[in-house]
């Protein structure tokens, strides 16, 4: 199960939390490195590269069905990835994030 809050929680807390408050990023309320939401990382697609099924859960209405599918898959002896989107909480969640896209920097069409 992936608790997907679209952020590296540890680095965000270190940069924006009490220990990092003296740093320039924290003072400017800018999160340069922790945000993982543009584009979103699709952990189920990563798992599918290894022939592992999964489900994305974006709201509570989807959770029960995804858990049932996961338990059935596990009972059949196979792994299952459950990508549960959660709301980021705590210090730095309202921080500015850079607009950056590796895809837009490509010069070669893929």
PDB file of N, CA and C in Angstrom:
ATOM      1  N   UNK A   1       0.846  -1.171   0.000  1.00  0.00           N
ATOM      2  CA  UNK A   1       0.000   0.000   0.000  1.00  0.00           C
ATOM      3  C   UNK A   1       0.888   1.229   0.000  1.00  0.00           C
ATOM      4  N   UNK A   2       0.580   2.137  -0.906  1.00  0.00           N
ATOM      5  CA  UNK A   2       1.289   3.406  -0.993  1.00  0.00           C
ATOM      6  C   UNK A   2       0.343   4.494  -0.496  1.00  0.00           C
ATOM      7  N   UNK A   3       0.744   5.190   0.559  1.00  0.00           N
ATOM      8  CA  UNK A   3      -0.005   6.355   1.016  1.00  0.00           C
ATOM      9  C   UNK A   3       0.525   7.544   0.220  1.00  0.00           C
ATOM     10  N   UNK A   4      -0.147   7.844  -0.866  1.00  0.00           N
ATOM     11  CA  UNK A   4       0.349   8.789  -1.861  1.00  0.00           C
ATOM     12  C   UNK A   4      -0.138  10.203  -1.546  1.00  0.00           C
ATOM     13  N   UNK A   5       0.711  10.975  -0.880  1.00  0.00           N
ATOM     14  CA  UNK A   5       0.353  12.360  -0.582  1.00  0.00           C
ATOM     15  C   UNK A   5       1.037  13.331  -1.549  1.00  0.00           C
ATOM     16  N   UNK A   6       1.583  12.790  -2.644  1.00  0.00           N
ATOM     17  CA  UNK A   6       2.201  13.584  -3.712  1.00  0.00           C
ATOM     18  C   UNK A   6       3.392  14.402  -3.213  1.00  0.00           C
ATOM     19  N   UNK A   7       4.075  13.875  -2.197  1.00  0.00           N
ATOM     20  CA  UNK A   7       5.198  14.607  -1.623  1.00  0.00           C
ATOM     21  C   UNK A   7       6.139  13.637  -0.931  1.00  0.00           C
ATOM     22  N   UNK A   8       7.413  13.973  -0.957  1.00  0.00           N
ATOM     23  CA  UNK A   8       8.367  13.281  -0.092  1.00  0.00           C
ATOM     24  C   UNK A   8       8.218  13.915   1.280  1.00  0.00           C
ATOM     25  N   UNK A   9       7.483  13.263   2.145  1.00  0.00           N
ATOM     26  CA  UNK A   9       7.143  13.830   3.456  1.00  0.00           C
ATOM     27  C   UNK A   9       8.390  14.154   4.276  1.00  0.00           C
ATOM     28  N   UNK A  10       9.351  13.246   4.304  1.00  0.00           N
ATOM     29  CA  UNK A  10      10.547  13.446   5.125  1.00  0.00           C
ATOM     30  C   UNK A  10      11.315  14.694   4.702  1.00  0.00           C
ATOM     31  N   UNK A  11      11.549  14.852   3.412  1.00  0.00           N
ATOM     32  CA  UNK A  11      12.312  16.025   2.975  1.00  0.00           C
ATOM     33  C   UNK A  11      11.521  17.312   3.195  1.00  0.00           C
ATOM     34  N   UNK A  12      10.210  17.255   2.991  1.00  0.00           N
ATOM     35  CA  UNK A  12       9.398  18.465   3.214  1.00  0.00           C
ATOM     36  C   UNK A  12       9.460  18.880   4.678  1.00  0.00           C
ATOM     37  N   UNK A  13       9.335  17.906   5.591  1.00  0.00           N
ATOM     38  CA  UNK A  13       9.390  18.235   7.018  1.00  0.00           C
ATOM     39  C   UNK A  13      10.769  18.759   7.401  1.00  0.00           C
ATOM     40  N   UNK A  14      11.803  18.171   6.813  1.00  0.00           N
ATOM     41  CA  UNK A  14      13.166  18.616   7.145  1.00  0.00           C
ATOM     42  C   UNK A  14      13.413  20.035   6.632  1.00  0.00           C
ATOM     43  N   UNK A  15      12.959  20.332   5.421  1.00  0.00           N
ATOM     44  CA  UNK A  15      13.185  21.650   4.832  1.00  0.00           C
ATOM     45  C   UNK A  15      12.279  22.705   5.466  1.00  0.00           C
ATOM     46  N   UNK A  16      11.009  22.360   5.637  1.00  0.00           N
ATOM     47  CA  UNK A  16      10.037  23.355   6.078  1.00  0.00           C
ATOM     48  C   UNK A  16       9.780  23.330   7.583  1.00  0.00           C
ATOM     49  N   UNK A  17      10.178  22.249   8.246  1.00  0.00           N
ATOM     50  CA  UNK A  17       9.916  22.102   9.675  1.00  0.00           C
ATOM     51  C   UNK A  17      10.839  22.929  10.544  1.00  0.00           C
ATOM     52  N   UNK A  18      10.749  22.697  11.832  1.00  0.00           N
ATOM     53  CA  UNK A  18      11.529  23.478  12.795  1.00  0.00           C
ATOM     54  C   UNK A  18      13.025  23.413  12.531  1.00  0.00           C
ATOM     55  N   UNK A  19      13.536  22.250  12.165  1.00  0.00           N
ATOM     56  CA  UNK A  19      14.973  22.105  11.932  1.00  0.00           C
ATOM     57  C   UNK A  19      15.431  22.916  10.722  1.00  0.00           C
ATOM     58  N   UNK A  20      14.551  23.115   9.752  1.00  0.00           N
ATOM     59  CA  UNK A  20      14.950  23.813   8.537  1.00  0.00           C
ATOM     60  C   UNK A  20      14.494  25.248   8.452  1.00  0.00           C
ATOM     61  N   UNK A  21      13.811  25.758   9.449  1.00  0.00           N
ATOM     62  CA  UNK A  21      13.223  27.094   9.374  1.00  0.00           C
ATOM     63  C   UNK A  21      14.242  28.204   9.143  1.00  0.00           C
ATOM     64  N   UNK A  22      15.513  27.927   9.427  1.00  0.00           N
ATOM     65  CA  UNK A  22      16.520  28.961   9.190  1.00  0.00           C
ATOM     66  C   UNK A  22      16.968  28.989   7.730  1.00  0.00           C
ATOM     67  N   UNK A  23      16.613  27.962   6.941  1.00  0.00           N
ATOM     68  CA  UNK A  23      17.024  27.906   5.541  1.00  0.00           C
ATOM     69  C   UNK A  23      16.224  28.846   4.655  1.00  0.00           C
ATOM     70  N   UNK A  24      16.808  29.184   3.507  1.00  0.00           N
ATOM     71  CA  UNK A  24      16.178  30.127   2.576  1.00  0.00           C
ATOM     72  C   UNK A  24      14.853  29.598   2.032  1.00  0.00           C
ATOM     73  N   UNK A  25      14.780  28.291   1.733  1.00  0.00           N
ATOM     74  CA  UNK A  25      13.545  27.725   1.181  1.00  0.00           C
ATOM     75  C   UNK A  25      12.405  27.837   2.182  1.00  0.00           C
ATOM     76  N   UNK A  26      12.690  27.530   3.433  1.00  0.00           N
ATOM     77  CA  UNK A  26      11.652  27.617   4.457  1.00  0.00           C
ATOM     78  C   UNK A  26      11.215  29.062   4.687  1.00  0.00           C
ATOM     79  N   UNK A  27      12.168  29.969   4.723  1.00  0.00           N
ATOM     80  CA  UNK A  27      11.836  31.380   4.935  1.00  0.00           C
ATOM     81  C   UNK A  27      10.984  31.923   3.788  1.00  0.00           C
ATOM     82  N   UNK A  28      11.247  31.439   2.577  1.00  0.00           N
ATOM     83  CA  UNK A  28      10.480  31.900   1.409  1.00  0.00           C
ATOM     84  C   UNK A  28       9.212  31.082   1.210  1.00  0.00           C
ATOM     85  N   UNK A  29       9.001  30.046   2.046  1.00  0.00           N
ATOM     86  CA  UNK A  29       7.860  29.135   1.924  1.00  0.00           C
ATOM     87  C   UNK A  29       7.811  28.523   0.520  1.00  0.00           C
ATOM     88  N   UNK A  30       8.966  28.007   0.078  1.00  0.00           N
ATOM     89  CA  UNK A  30       9.088  27.387  -1.239  1.00  0.00           C
ATOM     90  C   UNK A  30       9.607  25.966  -1.090  1.00  0.00           C
ATOM     91  N   UNK A  31       8.900  25.029  -1.676  1.00  0.00           N
ATOM     92  CA  UNK A  31       9.275  23.622  -1.655  1.00  0.00           C
ATOM     93  C   UNK A  31       9.856  23.266  -3.020  1.00  0.00           C
ATOM     94  N   UNK A  32      11.161  23.230  -3.119  1.00  0.00           N
ATOM     95  CA  UNK A  32      11.823  23.004  -4.400  1.00  0.00           C
ATOM     96  C   UNK A  32      11.983  21.531  -4.747  1.00  0.00           C
ATOM     97  N   UNK A  33      11.959  20.638  -3.774  1.00  0.00           N
ATOM     98  CA  UNK A  33      12.358  19.250  -4.037  1.00  0.00           C
ATOM     99  C   UNK A  33      11.357  18.179  -3.628  1.00  0.00           C
ATOM    100  N   UNK A  34      10.382  18.471  -2.813  1.00  0.00           N
ATOM    101  CA  UNK A  34       9.570  17.415  -2.218  1.00  0.00           C
ATOM    102  C   UNK A  34       8.302  17.059  -2.981  1.00  0.00           C
ATOM    103  N   UNK A  35       7.785  17.973  -3.758  1.00  0.00           N
ATOM    104  CA  UNK A  35       6.493  17.776  -4.416  1.00  0.00           C
ATOM    105  C   UNK A  35       6.583  16.756  -5.540  1.00  0.00           C
ATOM    106  N   UNK A  36       5.646  15.809  -5.575  1.00  0.00           N
ATOM    107  CA  UNK A  36       5.619  14.745  -6.585  1.00  0.00           C
ATOM    108  C   UNK A  36       4.331  14.747  -7.391  1.00  0.00           C
ATOM    109  N   UNK A  37       3.686  15.880  -7.520  1.00  0.00           N
ATOM    110  CA  UNK A  37       2.359  15.868  -8.105  1.00  0.00           C
ATOM    111  C   UNK A  37       2.191  16.491  -9.478  1.00  0.00           C
ATOM    112  N   UNK A  38       3.234  16.784 -10.213  1.00  0.00           N
ATOM    113  CA  UNK A  38       3.045  17.415 -11.510  1.00  0.00           C
ATOM    114  C   UNK A  38       4.111  16.945 -12.491  1.00  0.00           C
ATOM    115  N   UNK A  39       3.911  15.865 -13.193  1.00  0.00           N
ATOM    116  CA  UNK A  39       2.709  15.026 -13.196  1.00  0.00           C
ATOM    117  C   UNK A  39       2.718  14.062 -12.014  1.00  0.00           C
ATOM    118  N   UNK A  40       1.557  13.536 -11.693  1.00  0.00           N
ATOM    119  CA  UNK A  40       1.446  12.570 -10.602  1.00  0.00           C
ATOM    120  C   UNK A  40       2.239  11.312 -10.922  1.00  0.00           C
ATOM    121  N   UNK A  41       2.861  10.739  -9.902  1.00  0.00           N
ATOM    122  CA  UNK A  41       3.508   9.438 -10.044  1.00  0.00           C
ATOM    123  C   UNK A  41       2.408   8.390  -9.969  1.00  0.00           C
ATOM    124  N   UNK A  42       2.318   7.539 -10.973  1.00  0.00           N
ATOM    125  CA  UNK A  42       1.305   6.485 -11.005  1.00  0.00           C
ATOM    126  C   UNK A  42       1.983   5.179 -10.597  1.00  0.00           C
ATOM    127  N   UNK A  43       1.901   4.866  -9.316  1.00  0.00           N
ATOM    128  CA  UNK A  43       2.579   3.691  -8.783  1.00  0.00           C
ATOM    129  C   UNK A  43       2.012   2.388  -9.347  1.00  0.00           C
ATOM    130  N   UNK A  44       0.740   2.381  -9.723  1.00  0.00           N
ATOM    131  CA  UNK A  44       0.167   1.158 -10.296  1.00  0.00           C
ATOM    132  C   UNK A  44       0.733   0.891 -11.686  1.00  0.00           C
ATOM    133  N   UNK A  45       1.031   1.941 -12.426  1.00  0.00           N
ATOM    134  CA  UNK A  45       1.662   1.738 -13.745  1.00  0.00           C
ATOM    135  C   UNK A  45       3.088   1.249 -13.592  1.00  0.00           C
ATOM    136  N   UNK A  46       3.781   1.735 -12.585  1.00  0.00           N
ATOM    137  CA  UNK A  46       5.125   1.224 -12.310  1.00  0.00           C
ATOM    138  C   UNK A  46       5.063  -0.261 -11.976  1.00  0.00           C
ATOM    139  N   UNK A  47       4.093  -0.650 -11.147  1.00  0.00           N
ATOM    140  CA  UNK A  47       3.938  -2.058 -10.775  1.00  0.00           C
ATOM    141  C   UNK A  47       3.570  -2.908 -11.982  1.00  0.00           C
ATOM    142  N   UNK A  48       2.759  -2.353 -12.882  1.00  0.00           N
ATOM    143  CA  UNK A  48       2.329  -3.133 -14.052  1.00  0.00           C
ATOM    144  C   UNK A  48       3.507  -3.499 -14.951  1.00  0.00           C
ATOM    145  N   UNK A  49       4.585  -2.727 -14.883  1.00  0.00           N
ATOM    146  CA  UNK A  49       5.785  -3.071 -15.653  1.00  0.00           C
ATOM    147  C   UNK A  49       6.357  -4.415 -15.191  1.00  0.00           C
ATOM    148  N   UNK A  50       6.023  -4.817 -13.974  1.00  0.00           N
ATOM    149  CA  UNK A  50       6.463  -6.096 -13.418  1.00  0.00           C
ATOM    150  C   UNK A  50       5.315  -7.109 -13.357  1.00  0.00           C
ATOM    151  N   UNK A  51       4.267  -6.831 -14.128  1.00  0.00           N
ATOM    152  CA  UNK A  51       3.085  -7.688 -14.179  1.00  0.00           C
ATOM    153  C   UNK A  51       2.401  -7.817 -12.812  1.00  0.00           C
ATOM    154  N   UNK A  52       2.412  -6.726 -12.069  1.00  0.00           N
ATOM    155  CA  UNK A  52       1.741  -6.679 -10.763  1.00  0.00           C
ATOM    156  C   UNK A  52       0.505  -5.803 -10.894  1.00  0.00           C
ATOM    157  N   UNK A  53      -0.674  -6.357 -10.615  1.00  0.00           N
ATOM    158  CA  UNK A  53      -1.895  -5.545 -10.705  1.00  0.00           C
ATOM    159  C   UNK A  53      -1.990  -4.558  -9.547  1.00  0.00           C
ATOM    160  N   UNK A  54      -2.857  -3.579  -9.724  1.00  0.00           N
ATOM    161  CA  UNK A  54      -3.046  -2.601  -8.669  1.00  0.00           C
ATOM    162  C   UNK A  54      -4.291  -1.779  -8.879  1.00  0.00           C
ATOM    163  N   UNK A  55      -4.550  -0.895  -7.930  1.00  0.00           N
ATOM    164  CA  UNK A  55      -5.707  -0.005  -8.001  1.00  0.00           C
ATOM    165  C   UNK A  55      -5.324   1.348  -7.419  1.00  0.00           C
ATOM    166  N   UNK A  56      -5.865   2.396  -8.025  1.00  0.00           N
ATOM    167  CA  UNK A  56      -5.693   3.756  -7.526  1.00  0.00           C
ATOM    168  C   UNK A  56      -6.967   4.143  -6.794  1.00  0.00           C
ATOM    169  N   UNK A  57      -6.823   4.670  -5.594  1.00  0.00           N
ATOM    170  CA  UNK A  57      -7.969   5.106  -4.800  1.00  0.00           C
ATOM    171  C   UNK A  57      -7.842   6.605  -4.570  1.00  0.00           C
ATOM    172  N   UNK A  58      -8.781   7.367  -5.124  1.00  0.00           N
ATOM    173  CA  UNK A  58      -8.745   8.824  -4.980  1.00  0.00           C
ATOM    174  C   UNK A  58      -9.816   9.352  -4.034  1.00  0.00           C
ATOM    175  N   UNK A  59     -10.783   8.518  -3.682  1.00  0.00           N
ATOM    176  CA  UNK A  59     -11.779   8.929  -2.691  1.00  0.00           C
ATOM    177  C   UNK A  59     -12.254   7.701  -1.918  1.00  0.00           C
ATOM    178  N   UNK A  60     -12.907   7.931  -0.805  1.00  0.00           N
ATOM    179  CA  UNK A  60     -13.288   6.832   0.080  1.00  0.00           C
ATOM    180  C   UNK A  60     -14.278   5.867  -0.555  1.00  0.00           C
ATOM    181  N   UNK A  61     -15.063   6.326  -1.518  1.00  0.00           N
ATOM    182  CA  UNK A  61     -16.020   5.436  -2.181  1.00  0.00           C
ATOM    183  C   UNK A  61     -15.322   4.319  -2.954  1.00  0.00           C
ATOM    184  N   UNK A  62     -14.089   4.541  -3.357  1.00  0.00           N
ATOM    185  CA  UNK A  62     -13.347   3.554  -4.142  1.00  0.00           C
ATOM    186  C   UNK A  62     -12.551   2.578  -3.274  1.00  0.00           C
ATOM    187  N   UNK A  63     -12.408   2.870  -2.000  1.00  0.00           N
ATOM    188  CA  UNK A  63     -11.500   2.110  -1.144  1.00  0.00           C
ATOM    189  C   UNK A  63     -11.938   0.667  -0.909  1.00  0.00           C
ATOM    190  N   UNK A  64     -13.192   0.447  -0.577  1.00  0.00           N
ATOM    191  CA  UNK A  64     -13.660  -0.905  -0.255  1.00  0.00           C
ATOM    192  C   UNK A  64     -13.478  -1.864  -1.432  1.00  0.00           C
ATOM    193  N   UNK A  65     -13.870  -1.453  -2.622  1.00  0.00           N
ATOM    194  CA  UNK A  65     -13.727  -2.309  -3.796  1.00  0.00           C
ATOM    195  C   UNK A  65     -12.269  -2.610  -4.107  1.00  0.00           C
ATOM    196  N   UNK A  66     -11.412  -1.604  -3.952  1.00  0.00           N
ATOM    197  CA  UNK A  66      -9.983  -1.807  -4.224  1.00  0.00           C
ATOM    198  C   UNK A  66      -9.371  -2.769  -3.218  1.00  0.00           C
ATOM    199  N   UNK A  67      -9.755  -2.655  -1.962  1.00  0.00           N
ATOM    200  CA  UNK A  67      -9.240  -3.572  -0.940  1.00  0.00           C
ATOM    201  C   UNK A  67      -9.707  -4.997  -1.228  1.00  0.00           C
ATOM    202  N   UNK A  68     -10.962  -5.168  -1.610  1.00  0.00           N
ATOM    203  CA  UNK A  68     -11.472  -6.503  -1.944  1.00  0.00           C
ATOM    204  C   UNK A  68     -10.691  -7.110  -3.110  1.00  0.00           C
ATOM    205  N   UNK A  69     -10.448  -6.318  -4.156  1.00  0.00           N
ATOM    206  CA  UNK A  69      -9.657  -6.813  -5.294  1.00  0.00           C
ATOM    207  C   UNK A  69      -8.251  -7.194  -4.847  1.00  0.00           C
ATOM    208  N   UNK A  70      -7.661  -6.364  -4.006  1.00  0.00           N
ATOM    209  CA  UNK A  70      -6.326  -6.637  -3.509  1.00  0.00           C
ATOM    210  C   UNK A  70      -6.265  -7.907  -2.680  1.00  0.00           C
ATOM    211  N   UNK A  71      -7.225  -8.091  -1.792  1.00  0.00           N
ATOM    212  CA  UNK A  71      -7.244  -9.296  -0.949  1.00  0.00           C
ATOM    213  C   UNK A  71      -7.445 -10.558  -1.783  1.00  0.00           C
ATOM    214  N   UNK A  72      -8.299 -10.474  -2.803  1.00  0.00           N
ATOM    215  CA  UNK A  72      -8.501 -11.631  -3.675  1.00  0.00           C
ATOM    216  C   UNK A  72      -7.214 -11.970  -4.426  1.00  0.00           C
ATOM    217  N   UNK A  73      -6.539 -10.942  -4.925  1.00  0.00           N
ATOM    218  CA  UNK A  73      -5.285 -11.150  -5.650  1.00  0.00           C
ATOM    219  C   UNK A  73      -4.227 -11.749  -4.719  1.00  0.00           C
ATOM    220  N   UNK A  74      -4.147 -11.239  -3.502  1.00  0.00           N
ATOM    221  CA  UNK A  74      -3.191 -11.774  -2.533  1.00  0.00           C
ATOM    222  C   UNK A  74      -3.514 -13.217  -2.174  1.00  0.00           C
ATOM    223  N   UNK A  75      -4.812 -13.540  -2.049  1.00  0.00           N
ATOM    224  CA  UNK A  75      -5.224 -14.915  -1.746  1.00  0.00           C
ATOM    225  C   UNK A  75      -4.838 -15.870  -2.875  1.00  0.00           C
ATOM    226  N   UNK A  76      -4.762 -15.346  -4.093  1.00  0.00           N
ATOM    227  CA  UNK A  76      -4.331 -16.148  -5.238  1.00  0.00           C
ATOM    228  C   UNK A  76      -2.809 -16.275  -5.303  1.00  0.00           C
ATOM    229  N   UNK A  77      -2.114 -15.683  -4.326  1.00  0.00           N
ATOM    230  CA  UNK A  77      -0.662 -15.803  -4.266  1.00  0.00           C
ATOM    231  C   UNK A  77       0.098 -14.780  -5.076  1.00  0.00           C
ATOM    232  N   UNK A  78      -0.565 -13.693  -5.477  1.00  0.00           N
ATOM    233  CA  UNK A  78       0.077 -12.653  -6.285  1.00  0.00           C
ATOM    234  C   UNK A  78       0.161 -11.357  -5.494  1.00  0.00           C
ATOM    235  N   UNK A  79       1.154 -10.526  -5.802  1.00  0.00           N
ATOM    236  CA  UNK A  79       1.226  -9.208  -5.155  1.00  0.00           C
ATOM    237  C   UNK A  79       0.186  -8.256  -5.745  1.00  0.00           C
ATOM    238  N   UNK A  80      -0.081  -7.187  -5.041  1.00  0.00           N
ATOM    239  CA  UNK A  80      -1.065  -6.187  -5.471  1.00  0.00           C
ATOM    240  C   UNK A  80      -0.628  -4.838  -4.907  1.00  0.00           C
ATOM    241  N   UNK A  81      -0.692  -3.798  -5.727  1.00  0.00           N
ATOM    242  CA  UNK A  81      -0.336  -2.452  -5.287  1.00  0.00           C
ATOM    243  C   UNK A  81      -1.606  -1.630  -5.120  1.00  0.00           C
ATOM    244  N   UNK A  82      -1.746  -1.056  -3.956  1.00  0.00           N
ATOM    245  CA  UNK A  82      -2.874  -0.183  -3.666  1.00  0.00           C
ATOM    246  C   UNK A  82      -2.310   1.229  -3.496  1.00  0.00           C
ATOM    247  N   UNK A  83      -2.615   2.116  -4.424  1.00  0.00           N
ATOM    248  CA  UNK A  83      -2.126   3.493  -4.445  1.00  0.00           C
ATOM    249  C   UNK A  83      -3.239   4.389  -3.911  1.00  0.00           C
ATOM    250  N   UNK A  84      -3.164   4.706  -2.623  1.00  0.00           N
ATOM    251  CA  UNK A  84      -4.214   5.477  -1.959  1.00  0.00           C
ATOM    252  C   UNK A  84      -3.779   6.938  -1.866  1.00  0.00           C
ATOM    253  N   UNK A  85      -4.483   7.796  -2.595  1.00  0.00           N
ATOM    254  CA  UNK A  85      -4.176   9.222  -2.575  1.00  0.00           C
ATOM    255  C   UNK A  85      -4.689   9.824  -1.278  1.00  0.00           C
ATOM    256  N   UNK A  86      -3.801  10.531  -0.580  1.00  0.00           N
ATOM    257  CA  UNK A  86      -4.158  11.189   0.673  1.00  0.00           C
ATOM    258  C   UNK A  86      -3.821  12.672   0.566  1.00  0.00           C
ATOM    259  N   UNK A  87      -4.387  13.419   1.456  1.00  0.00           N
ATOM    260  CA  UNK A  87      -4.145  14.862   1.496  1.00  0.00           C
ATOM    261  C   UNK A  87      -2.860  15.107   2.277  1.00  0.00           C
ATOM    262  N   UNK A  88      -1.920  15.879   1.716  1.00  0.00           N
ATOM    263  CA  UNK A  88      -0.731  16.209   2.498  1.00  0.00           C
ATOM    264  C   UNK A  88      -1.122  17.063   3.693  1.00  0.00           C
ATOM    265  N   UNK A  89      -0.527  16.784   4.830  1.00  0.00           N
ATOM    266  CA  UNK A  89      -0.824  17.556   6.036  1.00  0.00           C
ATOM    267  C   UNK A  89       0.480  18.010   6.678  1.00  0.00           C
ATOM    268  N   UNK A  90       0.401  19.021   7.480  1.00  0.00           N
ATOM    269  CA  UNK A  90       1.562  19.462   8.235  1.00  0.00           C
ATOM    270  C   UNK A  90       2.257  20.648   7.605  1.00  0.00           C
ATOM    271  N   UNK A  91       3.421  20.929   8.162  1.00  0.00           N
ATOM    272  CA  UNK A  91       4.189  22.100   7.777  1.00  0.00           C
ATOM    273  C   UNK A  91       4.606  22.018   6.305  1.00  0.00           C
ATOM    274  N   UNK A  92       4.469  23.121   5.601  1.00  0.00           N
ATOM    275  CA  UNK A  92       4.927  23.211   4.222  1.00  0.00           C
ATOM    276  C   UNK A  92       3.962  22.726   3.168  1.00  0.00           C
ATOM    277  N   UNK A  93       2.784  22.258   3.544  1.00  0.00           N
ATOM    278  CA  UNK A  93       1.862  21.749   2.522  1.00  0.00           C
ATOM    279  C   UNK A  93       1.287  22.860   1.650  1.00  0.00           C
ATOM    280  N   UNK A  94       1.346  24.072   2.140  1.00  0.00           N
ATOM    281  CA  UNK A  94       0.837  25.197   1.351  1.00  0.00           C
ATOM    282  C   UNK A  94       1.966  25.948   0.654  1.00  0.00           C
ATOM    283  N   UNK A  95       3.148  25.352   0.631  1.00  0.00           N
ATOM    284  CA  UNK A  95       4.315  26.018   0.062  1.00  0.00           C
ATOM    285  C   UNK A  95       4.209  26.141  -1.459  1.00  0.00           C
ATOM    286  N   UNK A  96       4.846  27.151  -1.993  1.00  0.00           N
ATOM    287  CA  UNK A  96       4.969  27.333  -3.433  1.00  0.00           C
ATOM    288  C   UNK A  96       5.817  26.207  -3.987  1.00  0.00           C
ATOM    289  N   UNK A  97       5.472  25.739  -5.185  1.00  0.00           N
ATOM    290  CA  UNK A  97       6.242  24.696  -5.863  1.00  0.00           C
ATOM    291  C   UNK A  97       6.589  25.174  -7.260  1.00  0.00           C
ATOM    292  N   UNK A  98       7.790  24.841  -7.718  1.00  0.00           N
ATOM    293  CA  UNK A  98       8.174  25.300  -9.063  1.00  0.00           C
ATOM    294  C   UNK A  98       7.370  24.589 -10.138  1.00  0.00           C
ATOM    295  N   UNK A  99       7.038  25.294 -11.184  1.00  0.00           N
ATOM    296  CA  UNK A  99       6.415  24.690 -12.361  1.00  0.00           C
ATOM    297  C   UNK A  99       7.554  24.156 -13.210  1.00  0.00           C
ATOM    298  N   UNK A 100       7.693  22.860 -13.259  1.00  0.00           N
ATOM    299  CA  UNK A 100       8.817  22.246 -13.948  1.00  0.00           C
ATOM    300  C   UNK A 100       8.356  20.964 -14.599  1.00  0.00           C
ATOM    301  N   UNK A 101       8.723  20.761 -15.845  1.00  0.00           N
ATOM    302  CA  UNK A 101       8.359  19.551 -16.556  1.00  0.00           C
ATOM    303  C   UNK A 101       9.540  19.053 -17.369  1.00  0.00           C
ATOM    304  N   UNK A 102      10.011  17.861 -17.033  1.00  0.00           N
ATOM    305  CA  UNK A 102      11.091  17.250 -17.800  1.00  0.00           C
ATOM    306  C   UNK A 102      10.618  16.996 -19.226  1.00  0.00           C
ATOM    307  N   UNK A 103       9.359  16.603 -19.374  1.00  0.00           N
ATOM    308  CA  UNK A 103       8.813  16.327 -20.708  1.00  0.00           C
ATOM    309  C   UNK A 103       8.899  17.557 -21.603  1.00  0.00           C
ATOM    310  N   UNK A 104       8.664  18.726 -21.061  1.00  0.00           N
ATOM    311  CA  UNK A 104       8.728  19.940 -21.864  1.00  0.00           C
ATOM    312  C   UNK A 104      10.154  20.299 -22.265  1.00  0.00           C
ATOM    313  N   UNK A 105      11.138  19.793 -21.536  1.00  0.00           N
ATOM    314  CA  UNK A 105      12.541  20.071 -21.851  1.00  0.00           C
ATOM    315  C   UNK A 105      13.100  19.158 -22.927  1.00  0.00           C
ATOM    316  N   UNK A 106      12.387  18.071 -23.234  1.00  0.00           N
ATOM    317  CA  UNK A 106      12.879  17.125 -24.230  1.00  0.00           C
ATOM    318  C   UNK A 106      12.980  17.765 -25.602  1.00  0.00           C
ATOM    319  N   UNK A 107      14.039  17.441 -26.293  1.00  0.00           N
ATOM    320  CA  UNK A 107      14.174  17.878 -27.682  1.00  0.00           C
ATOM    321  C   UNK A 107      13.865  16.741 -28.638  1.00  0.00           C
ATOM    322  N   UNK A 108      13.926  15.521 -28.139  1.00  0.00           N
ATOM    323  CA  UNK A 108      13.645  14.341 -28.950  1.00  0.00           C
ATOM    324  C   UNK A 108      12.236  13.845 -28.644  1.00  0.00           C
ATOM    325  N   UNK A 109      11.473  13.553 -29.668  1.00  0.00           N
ATOM    326  CA  UNK A 109      10.104  13.046 -29.483  1.00  0.00           C
ATOM    327  C   UNK A 109      10.175  11.572 -29.088  1.00  0.00           C
ATOM    328  N   UNK A 110       9.474  11.221 -28.022  1.00  0.00           N
ATOM    329  CA  UNK A 110       9.436   9.822 -27.558  1.00  0.00           C
ATOM    330  C   UNK A 110       8.015   9.352 -27.455  1.00  0.00           C
TER     331      UNK A 110
END
